[in-house]
Protein backbone atom coordinates (compact mmCIF):
# COMPACT_ATOMS: atom_id res chain seq x y z
CA MET A 1 36.52 -34.78 -13.01
CA ILE A 2 34.96 -32.10 -11.69
CA LYS A 3 37.48 -28.71 -11.49
CA THR A 4 36.75 -25.20 -10.41
CA ILE A 5 38.31 -22.79 -12.56
CA GLU A 6 37.87 -19.23 -12.12
CA ALA A 7 37.59 -16.28 -15.39
CA VAL A 8 37.12 -13.43 -16.64
CA ILE A 9 34.00 -12.87 -19.19
CA ASP A 10 34.31 -9.55 -21.27
CA GLU A 11 31.50 -7.80 -22.68
CA GLN A 12 31.11 -9.49 -25.99
CA GLY A 13 31.21 -12.73 -23.84
CA ASN A 14 34.75 -13.73 -24.62
CA VAL A 15 35.71 -16.08 -21.90
CA ARG A 16 39.40 -16.17 -20.96
CA LEU A 17 40.33 -18.71 -18.34
CA LEU A 18 42.76 -16.89 -14.98
CA GLU A 19 44.81 -19.74 -14.98
CA PRO A 20 46.94 -22.68 -17.23
CA ILE A 21 44.22 -25.76 -17.39
CA GLU A 22 45.21 -29.55 -19.68
CA LEU A 23 42.43 -31.27 -20.31
CA GLY A 24 43.33 -34.28 -22.71
CA THR A 25 39.91 -34.35 -24.43
CA GLU A 26 36.91 -32.47 -24.66
CA LYS A 27 34.59 -31.70 -21.92
CA ARG A 28 31.39 -30.16 -21.22
CA ALA A 29 31.39 -26.90 -18.93
CA LEU A 30 28.79 -24.61 -17.03
CA VAL A 31 29.36 -21.01 -16.69
CA VAL A 32 27.52 -19.22 -13.18
CA ILE A 33 28.30 -15.56 -14.33
CA LEU A 34 29.08 -13.85 -10.60
CA ASP A 35 26.99 -10.10 -9.94
CA GLU A 36 30.10 -8.54 -9.24
CA PRO A 37 33.25 -6.37 -10.91
CA THR A 38 36.21 -7.77 -12.19
CA ALA A 39 39.58 -7.03 -10.36
CA ARG A 40 40.97 -4.87 -13.06
CA ILE A 41 43.21 -2.79 -10.44
CA GLN A 42 44.50 -6.01 -9.38
CA GLU A 43 45.31 -7.41 -12.82
CA THR A 44 46.51 -3.83 -13.71
CA ALA A 45 49.20 -4.14 -10.85
CA LEU A 46 50.35 -7.67 -11.52
CA LEU A 47 50.83 -6.82 -15.48
CA SER A 48 53.05 -3.42 -14.25
CA GLU A 49 55.21 -5.73 -11.35
CA ARG A 50 57.84 -6.59 -14.23
CA ALA A 51 58.14 -2.65 -14.70
CA LEU A 52 58.50 -1.50 -11.56
CA ALA A 53 60.37 -4.06 -9.99
CA GLU A 54 63.25 -2.74 -12.22
CA ASP A 55 62.91 0.64 -9.49
CA TRP A 56 62.22 -0.92 -6.72
CA ASN A 57 64.46 -4.00 -7.03
CA ARG A 58 67.38 -1.73 -6.84
CA PRO A 59 70.17 -0.79 -3.70
CA GLU A 60 69.39 2.62 -3.21
CA GLU A 61 65.76 1.73 -2.29
CA ASP A 62 66.50 -0.70 0.25
CA ALA A 63 68.97 1.64 1.67
CA ALA A 64 65.90 4.36 1.96
CA TRP A 65 63.73 2.10 3.45
CA SER A 66 65.82 -0.10 5.37
CA HIS A 67 64.86 1.58 8.95
CA LEU A 68 61.64 0.49 7.98
CA GLN A 69 63.09 -3.47 8.45
CA PRO A 70 62.70 -5.18 11.01
CA ALA A 71 66.30 -5.57 13.25
CA ARG A 72 68.34 -8.79 13.09
């Protein structure tokens, strides 16, 4: 089985997989280093989503932005 998993490699060479995997047994892997920066902004947004949701998901917020919702 060949499966592609996205990962991030930090400055010290530590590999962090971006999704969980279950292999059952030890496997070999190839690592391809892409010449592009990691999406730190996206990661920060995901990590702060829970905290921001407390503010965003309030009736007052819904009322304030209701004029942008399509008519039912």
